[in-house]
């Protein structure tokens, strides 16, 4: 059994003199134009609308 699944996520490192990581949204959502993102045990839905807008919902 994997004990790491029940442990809280490590705190985010502080950004010091560097740009945030850049990720093309299509790399996340793929052809389905939708992805599920897990943060602190909660699931969020990221999707691209018909008007090419991003929506993130819990």
Protein backbone atom coordinates (compact mmCIF):
# COMPACT_ATOMS: atom_id res chain seq x y z
CA UNK A 1 0.00 0.00 0.00
CA UNK A 2 1.30 3.46 -0.89
CA UNK A 3 1.40 5.71 2.21
CA UNK A 4 2.25 8.82 0.18
CA UNK A 5 -1.33 9.14 -1.08
CA UNK A 6 -2.59 10.13 2.39
CA UNK A 7 0.17 12.61 3.16
CA UNK A 8 -0.35 16.35 2.64
CA UNK A 9 1.43 17.84 -0.33
CA UNK A 10 4.76 19.52 0.30
CA UNK A 11 4.58 23.30 0.50
CA UNK A 12 5.27 25.14 -2.75
CA UNK A 13 8.83 26.41 -3.10
CA UNK A 14 9.09 30.18 -3.17
CA UNK A 15 9.79 31.64 -6.58
CA UNK A 16 13.05 33.49 -6.42
CA UNK A 17 14.13 35.43 -9.48
CA UNK A 18 12.54 33.05 -11.95
CA UNK A 19 9.53 33.03 -14.22
CA UNK A 20 6.62 30.68 -13.48
CA UNK A 21 6.50 27.42 -15.38
CA UNK A 22 4.68 27.79 -18.69
CA UNK A 23 2.51 24.93 -19.94
CA UNK A 24 0.40 24.95 -23.09
CA UNK A 25 -3.17 24.14 -22.05
CA UNK A 26 -3.50 21.60 -24.88
CA UNK A 27 -0.72 19.59 -23.21
CA UNK A 28 -3.02 19.30 -20.19
CA UNK A 29 -6.41 18.76 -21.78
CA UNK A 30 -5.50 16.98 -25.02
CA UNK A 31 -8.08 16.41 -27.73
CA UNK A 32 -10.95 16.14 -25.23
CA UNK A 33 -10.50 19.83 -24.26
CA UNK A 34 -10.93 18.79 -20.64
CA UNK A 35 -8.74 17.60 -17.77
CA UNK A 36 -9.15 16.73 -14.10
CA UNK A 37 -6.59 18.34 -11.81
CA UNK A 38 -6.13 17.09 -8.24
CA UNK A 39 -5.02 19.58 -5.58
CA UNK A 40 -4.88 18.78 -1.87
CA UNK A 41 -7.16 15.79 -2.43
CA UNK A 42 -9.84 17.83 -4.25
CA UNK A 43 -10.67 17.25 -7.90
CA UNK A 44 -11.02 20.23 -10.24
CA UNK A 45 -12.25 20.19 -13.83
CA UNK A 46 -10.38 22.36 -16.34
CA UNK A 47 -12.09 22.73 -19.69
CA UNK A 48 -11.96 24.83 -22.83
CA UNK A 49 -15.35 26.23 -23.82
CA UNK A 50 -16.79 26.56 -27.31
CA UNK A 51 -15.74 30.24 -27.14
CA UNK A 52 -12.14 29.20 -26.40
CA UNK A 53 -12.27 30.32 -22.77
CA UNK A 54 -10.87 28.37 -19.81
CA UNK A 55 -13.14 27.33 -16.95
CA UNK A 56 -11.88 25.70 -13.74
CA UNK A 57 -14.58 24.23 -11.49
CA UNK A 58 -14.50 22.16 -8.34
